[in-house]
Protein backbone atom coordinates (compact mmCIF):
# COMPACT_ATOMS: atom_id res chain seq x y z
CA MET A 1 13.21 -30.71 -12.99
CA ARG A 2 12.22 -26.30 -12.86
CA VAL A 3 11.76 -26.55 -16.47
CA ARG A 4 8.38 -27.59 -16.87
CA PRO A 5 6.61 -25.15 -14.50
CA ILE A 6 8.20 -22.35 -16.29
CA LEU A 7 6.66 -23.85 -19.66
CA THR A 8 3.53 -24.28 -18.30
CA SER A 9 3.54 -21.20 -17.26
CA LEU A 10 4.56 -20.11 -20.95
CA ILE A 11 1.72 -21.97 -22.23
CA PHE A 12 -0.91 -19.60 -20.60
CA VAL A 13 0.88 -16.70 -21.98
CA ILE A 14 1.06 -18.36 -25.68
CA LEU A 15 -2.68 -19.29 -25.97
CA PRO A 16 -4.28 -16.22 -25.59
CA LEU A 17 -2.04 -14.60 -27.94
CA SER A 18 -2.85 -17.16 -30.27
CA ALA A 19 -6.44 -17.01 -29.97
CA PRO A 20 -8.97 -15.42 -32.59
CA ALA A 21 -9.33 -12.04 -32.38
CA GLN A 22 -12.47 -10.70 -31.24
CA GLU A 23 -14.86 -8.81 -33.62
CA ASN A 24 -14.53 -5.47 -32.65
CA SER A 25 -10.63 -5.79 -31.87
CA TYR A 26 -10.25 -2.41 -33.95
CA TRP A 27 -6.97 -0.73 -33.68
CA PRO A 28 -6.66 2.37 -31.40
CA ILE A 29 -4.97 5.81 -32.07
CA PHE A 30 -4.11 8.68 -30.15
CA GLU A 31 -5.31 11.99 -31.73
CA VAL A 32 -6.98 15.47 -31.20
CA ARG A 33 -10.60 14.94 -31.16
CA VAL A 34 -11.61 17.92 -33.86
CA ASP A 35 -14.88 18.55 -35.45
CA ALA A 36 -14.20 20.57 -38.52
CA MET A 37 -17.67 21.43 -39.08
CA LEU A 38 -18.71 23.37 -35.15
CA ASP A 39 -15.33 25.33 -35.79
CA SER A 40 -16.48 26.26 -39.17
CA MET A 41 -19.67 27.49 -37.31
CA GLY A 42 -17.91 28.96 -34.92
CA ALA A 43 -16.06 31.19 -37.48
CA ARG A 44 -19.21 32.99 -39.00
CA LEU A 45 -21.22 33.10 -35.96
CA GLU A 46 -20.71 36.44 -33.04
CA ARG A 47 -18.60 34.73 -30.46
CA LEU A 48 -19.92 36.11 -26.95
CA LYS A 49 -16.99 33.45 -25.04
CA PRO A 50 -13.79 32.65 -26.10
CA GLU A 51 -13.39 29.14 -26.73
CA GLU A 52 -11.32 26.68 -25.16
CA ASP A 53 -8.20 25.47 -27.18
CA ALA A 54 -8.58 21.88 -26.38
CA LYS A 55 -5.47 19.92 -27.81
CA LYS A 56 -5.62 17.24 -25.57
CA LYS A 57 -5.09 13.72 -27.48
CA MET A 58 -7.54 11.45 -26.88
CA MET A 59 -7.03 6.93 -27.38
CA MET A 60 -9.72 6.45 -30.28
CA VAL A 61 -10.33 4.04 -32.82
CA ASP A 62 -8.64 3.65 -35.91
CA PHE A 63 -11.46 3.86 -38.29
CA SER A 64 -9.95 3.02 -41.02
CA THR A 65 -9.41 -0.08 -39.94
CA VAL A 66 -13.31 -0.83 -39.22
CA PRO A 67 -15.25 -3.37 -42.28
CA HIS A 68 -18.29 -0.76 -42.54
CA PRO A 69 -20.94 0.50 -45.04
CA LYS A 70 -19.43 3.62 -46.91
CA ARG A 71 -22.56 4.72 -48.67
CA VAL A 72 -26.40 5.59 -47.72
CA GLU A 73 -27.75 3.94 -50.51
CA GLU A 74 -26.49 0.33 -48.77
CA PHE A 75 -29.38 0.84 -46.19
CA THR A 76 -32.91 -0.23 -46.43
CA ALA A 77 -34.60 2.69 -44.82
CA VAL A 78 -38.31 4.40 -44.36
CA LYS A 79 -39.11 7.42 -46.08
CA HIS A 80 -37.42 10.63 -44.20
CA LEU A 81 -36.63 14.27 -45.07
CA PRO A 82 -33.15 15.65 -45.96
CA PRO A 83 -30.96 16.09 -42.81
CA VAL A 84 -31.38 19.86 -41.10
CA MET A 85 -28.21 20.74 -39.06
CA GLN A 86 -29.23 22.42 -35.40
CA GLY A 87 -26.22 24.58 -35.60
CA ARG A 88 -24.71 26.25 -32.33
CA SER A 89 -27.78 24.78 -30.02
CA GLY A 90 -29.02 21.74 -27.96
CA MET A 91 -31.87 21.46 -29.24
CA CYS A 92 -31.11 17.97 -31.24
CA TRP A 93 -34.19 16.67 -28.87
CA CYS A 94 -36.62 18.39 -30.94
CA TYR A 95 -35.14 18.20 -34.30
CA SER A 96 -34.64 14.29 -34.10
CA THR A 97 -38.30 13.87 -33.10
CA THR A 98 -39.72 16.27 -35.31
CA SER A 99 -37.45 14.08 -38.22
CA MET A 100 -39.58 11.15 -36.75
CA PHE A 101 -42.93 12.57 -36.95
CA GLU A 102 -42.21 13.91 -40.56
CA SER A 103 -41.62 10.10 -41.35
CA GLU A 104 -44.44 9.03 -39.82
CA ILE A 105 -46.73 11.47 -41.70
CA MET A 106 -44.85 9.64 -45.27
CA ARG A 107 -45.58 6.23 -43.73
CA THR A 108 -49.08 7.26 -42.89
CA THR A 109 -50.73 9.64 -45.22
CA GLY A 110 -47.98 9.46 -47.95
CA ARG A 111 -47.46 13.50 -47.70
CA SER A 112 -44.01 15.21 -47.75
CA ILE A 113 -44.27 17.81 -44.80
CA LYS A 114 -41.74 20.15 -43.12
CA LEU A 115 -42.64 21.09 -39.87
CA SER A 116 -40.84 23.56 -37.69
CA GLU A 117 -38.73 22.64 -35.22
CA LEU A 118 -38.47 26.13 -33.51
CA HIS A 119 -42.17 26.72 -32.89
CA THR A 120 -42.01 23.77 -30.41
CA ILE A 121 -38.48 25.18 -29.12
CA TYR A 122 -40.23 28.63 -28.09
CA TRP A 123 -42.98 27.12 -26.17
CA GLU A 124 -40.48 25.04 -24.45
CA TYR A 125 -38.56 27.94 -23.23
CA VAL A 126 -41.71 29.48 -22.10
CA GLU A 127 -42.73 26.03 -20.00
CA LYS A 128 -39.07 25.93 -18.48
CA ALA A 129 -39.57 29.37 -17.06
CA ARG A 130 -42.85 29.02 -15.98
CA ASP A 131 -41.98 25.58 -13.79
CA PHE A 132 -38.76 27.71 -13.04
CA VAL A 133 -41.35 30.13 -11.12
CA HIS A 134 -43.56 27.17 -9.67
CA THR A 135 -40.66 25.05 -8.47
CA ARG A 136 -38.87 28.51 -7.09
CA GLY A 137 -36.03 27.78 -8.76
CA GLU A 138 -35.37 23.91 -8.55
CA THR A 139 -36.06 23.72 -12.15
CA TYR A 140 -32.89 22.22 -14.07
CA LEU A 141 -31.57 24.84 -16.89
CA GLY A 142 -30.06 23.47 -19.66
CA GLU A 143 -30.74 23.68 -23.61
CA GLY A 144 -31.82 20.36 -23.55
CA SER A 145 -34.92 18.34 -23.56
CA GLU A 146 -36.49 15.13 -24.22
CA SER A 147 -38.19 13.58 -27.62
CA ASN A 148 -41.68 13.21 -25.72
CA ALA A 149 -41.33 16.67 -24.74
CA VAL A 150 -42.52 17.85 -28.18
CA ILE A 151 -45.77 15.70 -27.61
CA ARG A 152 -46.25 17.65 -24.52
CA ILE A 153 -45.96 21.34 -26.25
CA TRP A 154 -47.80 19.95 -29.55
CA LYS A 155 -50.82 19.44 -27.24
CA LYS A 156 -50.72 22.12 -25.80
CA TYR A 157 -49.54 24.82 -28.40
CA GLY A 158 -49.81 22.71 -31.67
CA ALA A 159 -47.60 22.43 -34.58
CA LEU A 160 -46.40 25.09 -37.56
CA PRO A 161 -44.68 23.94 -41.00
CA GLY A 162 -41.50 24.37 -41.26
CA ASP A 163 -41.14 27.55 -43.66
CA ALA A 164 -43.59 29.35 -41.49
CA TYR A 165 -41.47 30.12 -38.31
CA THR A 166 -37.75 29.32 -38.82
CA GLY A 167 -36.43 30.81 -35.58
CA LEU A 168 -33.43 32.77 -37.70
CA GLN A 169 -33.11 36.30 -38.49
CA ASP A 170 -32.00 37.66 -41.50
CA GLY A 171 -28.48 37.02 -42.92
CA GLN A 172 -28.26 34.25 -39.97
CA PRO A 173 -26.75 31.13 -41.03
CA TYR A 174 -27.14 28.77 -38.53
CA HIS A 175 -28.54 29.34 -35.33
CA ASN A 176 -26.65 30.17 -32.13
CA HIS A 177 -28.14 29.67 -28.77
CA GLU A 178 -24.85 28.35 -27.58
CA TYR A 179 -23.97 32.17 -26.98
CA THR A 180 -26.59 34.09 -27.37
CA LEU A 181 -29.81 33.03 -26.18
CA PHE A 182 -29.39 30.11 -23.83
CA PRO A 183 -26.83 32.54 -21.36
CA GLU A 184 -29.60 35.47 -21.39
CA PHE A 185 -32.40 33.46 -20.90
CA LYS A 186 -30.64 31.57 -17.82
CA LYS A 187 -29.07 34.79 -16.56
CA TYR A 188 -32.44 36.14 -15.89
CA LEU A 189 -34.14 33.44 -14.49
CA LYS A 190 -31.49 33.36 -12.15
CA SER A 191 -31.54 37.34 -11.32
CA VAL A 192 -35.53 36.52 -10.74
CA GLU A 193 -34.26 33.46 -8.34
CA LYS A 194 -31.94 35.69 -6.52
CA THR A 195 -34.18 38.78 -5.95
CA GLY A 196 -37.22 36.70 -5.29
CA ALA A 197 -39.12 37.95 -8.21
CA TRP A 198 -41.54 35.22 -8.14
CA ASN A 199 -44.33 37.27 -10.78
CA GLU A 200 -45.46 33.98 -13.26
CA GLU A 201 -46.91 36.42 -15.51
CA GLU A 202 -44.19 39.38 -15.48
CA VAL A 203 -41.42 36.26 -15.86
CA VAL A 204 -43.21 34.62 -18.77
CA ALA A 205 -43.73 38.10 -20.44
CA THR A 206 -40.12 38.55 -20.24
CA VAL A 207 -38.99 35.54 -21.00
CA ARG A 208 -41.14 35.84 -24.56
CA ALA A 209 -39.71 39.33 -25.01
CA LEU A 210 -36.28 37.86 -25.02
CA LEU A 211 -37.24 34.87 -27.55
CA ASP A 212 -39.11 37.43 -29.65
CA HIS A 213 -35.87 38.97 -29.99
CA HIS A 214 -33.44 35.80 -30.90
CA LEU A 215 -36.09 33.96 -32.85
CA GLY A 216 -39.03 36.23 -33.64
CA ARG A 217 -42.55 35.88 -32.65
CA PRO A 218 -43.96 32.58 -33.79
CA PRO A 219 -47.50 33.37 -36.14
CA ALA A 220 -50.33 33.12 -34.59
CA THR A 221 -52.09 31.64 -37.69
CA VAL A 222 -50.70 29.96 -40.98
CA LEU A 223 -52.27 30.24 -44.40
CA VAL A 224 -52.68 26.93 -45.85
CA ASP A 225 -54.68 26.09 -48.94
CA GLY A 226 -56.38 29.28 -48.75
CA LYS A 227 -57.22 28.64 -44.95
CA SER A 228 -56.13 30.66 -42.30
CA LEU A 229 -54.85 28.08 -39.40
CA THR A 230 -53.87 28.10 -35.88
CA PRO A 231 -51.47 26.49 -34.71
CA GLN A 232 -53.59 23.91 -33.05
CA GLN A 233 -55.50 23.69 -35.96
CA TYR A 234 -52.71 22.75 -37.90
CA LEU A 235 -51.58 20.29 -36.09
CA ARG A 236 -55.34 18.45 -36.37
CA ASP A 237 -56.06 18.67 -39.85
CA VAL A 238 -52.56 18.92 -41.57
CA VAL A 239 -50.36 16.83 -39.62
CA ARG A 240 -53.05 14.40 -38.45
CA LEU A 241 -50.50 12.21 -36.14
CA ASN A 242 -51.90 11.53 -32.41
CA PRO A 243 -49.23 12.46 -30.27
CA ASP A 244 -50.56 9.96 -27.96
CA ASP A 245 -49.70 6.91 -30.10
CA TYR A 246 -46.17 7.25 -29.36
CA VAL A 247 -44.25 5.28 -26.60
CA ASP A 248 -40.78 5.69 -24.99
CA PHE A 249 -38.77 2.64 -23.69
CA LEU A 250 -35.79 2.50 -21.32
CA SER A 251 -33.64 -0.33 -20.23
CA PHE A 252 -32.17 -0.21 -17.01
CA MET A 253 -31.46 -2.59 -14.18
CA GLN A 254 -32.08 0.08 -11.08
CA HIS A 255 -36.07 -0.25 -11.69
CA PRO A 256 -38.39 -2.85 -12.05
CA TYR A 257 -39.03 -4.32 -16.30
CA TYR A 258 -42.45 -3.61 -17.76
CA GLN A 259 -43.30 -0.65 -15.07
CA LYS A 260 -43.34 3.18 -15.85
CA ILE A 261 -40.64 4.90 -14.63
CA GLU A 262 -38.89 8.16 -14.63
CA PHE A 263 -35.58 9.17 -16.60
CA GLU A 264 -33.70 10.43 -14.24
CA VAL A 265 -31.41 12.68 -16.05
CA PRO A 266 -31.48 16.18 -15.99
CA ASP A 267 -32.95 16.95 -19.45
CA ASN A 268 -36.08 15.38 -18.10
CA TRP A 269 -36.42 18.77 -16.24
CA TRP A 270 -40.18 17.95 -16.00
CA HIS A 271 -39.65 14.47 -14.20
CA SER A 272 -42.02 12.69 -16.86
CA LYS A 273 -42.26 9.12 -15.11
CA GLU A 274 -44.03 7.58 -18.59
CA TYR A 275 -41.02 5.71 -20.10
CA HIS A 276 -41.65 1.71 -20.32
CA ASN A 277 -38.67 -0.14 -19.06
CA VAL A 278 -37.64 -2.91 -20.38
CA PRO A 279 -34.98 -5.69 -20.46
CA LEU A 280 -31.99 -5.02 -22.88
CA ASP A 281 -33.49 -7.97 -25.28
CA ASP A 282 -36.67 -6.37 -25.62
CA PHE A 283 -34.77 -2.85 -26.31
CA MET A 284 -33.10 -4.03 -29.02
CA THR A 285 -36.10 -6.39 -30.30
CA ILE A 286 -37.68 -2.82 -30.71
CA ILE A 287 -35.45 -1.24 -32.35
CA LYS A 288 -34.58 -4.06 -34.68
CA ARG A 289 -38.13 -5.01 -35.39
CA SER A 290 -39.57 -1.32 -35.94
CA ILE A 291 -36.82 -0.47 -38.45
CA ARG A 292 -37.68 -3.74 -40.16
CA ASN A 293 -41.39 -2.78 -40.20
CA GLY A 294 -41.30 0.50 -41.54
CA TYR A 295 -41.37 2.55 -38.50
CA SER A 296 -38.63 4.85 -37.72
CA LEU A 297 -37.46 5.61 -34.28
CA VAL A 298 -35.97 8.53 -31.99
CA ILE A 299 -32.85 6.98 -29.91
CA GLY A 300 -30.75 8.97 -27.73
CA GLY A 301 -27.74 8.49 -25.21
CA ASP A 302 -24.02 9.08 -25.38
CA MET A 303 -21.94 10.06 -28.22
CA SER A 304 -18.39 10.80 -26.15
CA GLU A 305 -16.64 7.87 -27.10
CA GLY A 306 -13.62 6.88 -28.67
CA GLY A 307 -15.38 4.83 -31.23
CA TYR A 308 -17.55 7.60 -32.22
CA SER A 309 -15.95 9.18 -35.54
CA ARG A 310 -16.06 13.08 -35.87
CA GLY A 311 -14.36 12.74 -39.32
CA LYS A 312 -15.08 11.59 -42.76
CA ASP A 313 -16.00 7.83 -41.72
CA GLY A 314 -19.07 8.81 -39.57
CA ILE A 315 -19.81 5.82 -38.04
CA ALA A 316 -20.28 4.96 -34.25
CA VAL A 317 -18.98 1.43 -32.95
CA ILE A 318 -17.44 -0.41 -29.35
CA PRO A 319 -13.81 -1.09 -29.44
CA ALA A 320 -12.77 -4.12 -27.67
CA PHE A 321 -10.43 -1.98 -25.85
CA ASP A 322 -13.65 -0.69 -24.01
CA ILE A 323 -15.75 -3.71 -23.94
CA PRO A 324 -15.33 -6.79 -26.11
CA ALA A 325 -18.93 -7.22 -28.08
CA SER A 326 -19.55 -10.38 -26.48
CA ALA A 327 -19.81 -8.79 -23.08
CA ILE A 328 -22.11 -6.21 -23.57
CA ASN A 329 -25.20 -7.00 -21.46
CA GLU A 330 -27.14 -4.99 -18.99
CA ALA A 331 -24.95 -4.81 -16.19
CA ALA A 332 -21.83 -3.44 -18.76
CA ARG A 333 -25.10 -0.44 -19.58
CA GLN A 334 -25.66 -0.10 -15.97
CA PHE A 335 -22.24 0.43 -14.73
CA ARG A 336 -21.62 3.06 -17.46
CA PHE A 337 -24.71 4.87 -16.62
CA GLY A 338 -23.86 4.74 -13.22
CA ASN A 339 -20.56 6.04 -13.52
CA GLY A 340 -21.37 8.78 -15.88
CA THR A 341 -19.20 7.59 -18.90
CA THR A 342 -22.81 7.11 -20.67
CA ALA A 343 -24.83 9.90 -20.42
CA ASP A 344 -27.49 11.13 -21.95
CA ASP A 345 -26.25 13.28 -24.80
CA HIS A 346 -27.93 13.49 -27.81
CA GLY A 347 -31.52 12.79 -30.00
CA ILE A 348 -30.95 11.24 -32.80
CA HIS A 349 -33.65 9.80 -35.71
CA LEU A 350 -33.14 6.16 -36.66
CA VAL A 351 -33.97 5.74 -40.28
CA GLY A 352 -32.85 2.39 -41.69
CA TYR A 353 -30.03 -0.57 -41.14
CA VAL A 354 -28.52 -3.24 -43.45
CA GLU A 355 -27.00 -6.60 -41.76
CA LYS A 356 -23.17 -7.54 -42.47
CA ASP A 357 -21.93 -10.40 -40.83
CA GLY A 358 -24.39 -11.23 -38.73
CA LYS A 359 -25.09 -7.97 -37.15
CA ASP A 360 -26.93 -4.57 -37.94
CA TRP A 361 -25.61 -1.58 -38.92
CA PHE A 362 -28.55 1.87 -38.11
CA LEU A 363 -28.76 4.51 -40.47
CA ILE A 364 -28.54 7.74 -38.27
CA LYS A 365 -30.20 10.72 -39.42
CA ASP A 366 -28.15 13.63 -37.32
CA SER A 367 -28.42 17.25 -36.74
CA TRP A 368 -25.19 17.81 -34.70
CA SER A 369 -22.29 19.09 -36.40
CA SER A 370 -20.20 16.07 -36.41
CA ALA A 371 -22.80 14.64 -38.96
CA TYR A 372 -21.66 17.21 -41.77
CA ASN A 373 -18.02 16.34 -41.81
CA SER A 374 -18.16 12.59 -43.01
CA ASP A 375 -18.15 11.24 -46.70
CA HIS A 376 -22.30 10.93 -46.32
CA PRO A 377 -23.02 14.54 -44.89
CA GLY A 378 -25.90 14.91 -42.49
CA TYR A 379 -25.83 10.73 -41.02
CA TYR A 380 -23.98 8.55 -39.30
CA PHE A 381 -23.81 4.76 -39.11
CA TYR A 382 -24.00 3.35 -36.22
CA HIS A 383 -23.21 -0.57 -35.37
CA GLU A 384 -25.71 -2.53 -32.95
CA ASP A 385 -23.08 -2.85 -30.77
CA TYR A 386 -23.11 0.95 -29.88
CA VAL A 387 -26.84 0.90 -29.55
CA LYS A 388 -26.99 -1.72 -27.63
CA LEU A 389 -24.20 -0.35 -24.86
CA LYS A 390 -24.59 3.49 -25.32
CA MET A 391 -28.19 4.16 -26.39
CA LEU A 392 -30.77 4.99 -23.64
CA GLY A 393 -33.79 5.22 -24.49
CA CYS A 394 -36.13 4.88 -27.72
CA ALA A 395 -39.32 5.82 -28.76
CA VAL A 396 -41.62 4.36 -31.62
CA HIS A 397 -45.37 4.47 -32.66
CA LYS A 398 -47.35 2.33 -30.67
CA ASP A 399 -48.05 -0.20 -33.35
CA ALA A 400 -44.77 -1.26 -33.42
CA VAL A 401 -44.59 -2.80 -30.29
CA LYS A 402 -47.88 -4.19 -29.26
CA ASP A 403 -46.86 -7.16 -27.67
CA ILE A 404 -43.93 -5.69 -25.63
CA LEU A 405 -46.89 -2.54 -24.32
CA GLN A 406 -49.30 -6.11 -23.36
CA LYS A 407 -46.22 -6.86 -21.19
CA PHE A 408 -47.23 -3.63 -18.80
CA SER A 409 -50.59 -4.25 -18.13
CA ARG A 410 -49.96 -7.42 -16.18
């Protein structure tokens, strides 16, 4: 008489095991996470502090079990310049956004122009120091910033061609702000705070002297077709993009949808409230439709997951041991942002797509070192589930999202 309930319980155990596997049930492995390119850069750059010897194994996806695109050529891509590495620095926000603007020049005029990232970086440091004085030390001091900072700097200081200002000293192979420029910048501003030396003119002059030492002083003019142009004139007459034509989107449940909000992360140190908050379905529609219509995007979010390859595969996926694909929704995103497992780590340039098995893979142009460990150096391949769960924001030309923007004028 006791056999029946035992068999019933066994049936409940057996049935799930015989159910079809989840689409993203990639097999896990345990290994030390290594970034070979970053390590090789460290060997070539002067080190001012010891490296932490991280040998702890992490639970990661066995990327050999993931069916994914193998070549950049598989993607339908917008025109873009070749990838450029940012070195040991926190300049991804500027590299990705500058790359998008270079693609926008190609899209709107057909011209190919390499722009200077470091001209923007130089003046961002100056503006951060100025704000540190204004707020009496309340400004967040980090290497990072956000994509719309490029717009803010361009509108005030203009832009330069890439070869006019690289920020690299003679013989310097990579940028090295992690061990040199940024620690000195932060140490100086903290000394200003400690002593109460809130003289804006003096602080800006000292910071500029520090920047000039590490990056060189940006030129006041640049020669283009025999004509001397200031950075403001270069932006107006050569770049010919309107910075106000670009809009930023977020998707957060803790704020009302279809309203502008503040991006509540440290790198939005000037507390910009120009972010358009949309539901997740709209967020994904913006990305998928924009790239299909020839508009590339800056996207930004987390790159610390077990489904984020640092090796030859160069892909980013969400495994079922994290969350099944069918369960990725607004609440799952919000939960991870709220508990800190999704962070504002990295800005990248989304330049293409390919559809496989009913879902998109996105071609990501990436300036971070790990993108150069792969079989497709300078690029990542992101599965749309990864973008849906882990990417916090995006920026794109307003013409790509006219119908979405109309929802904000209700």
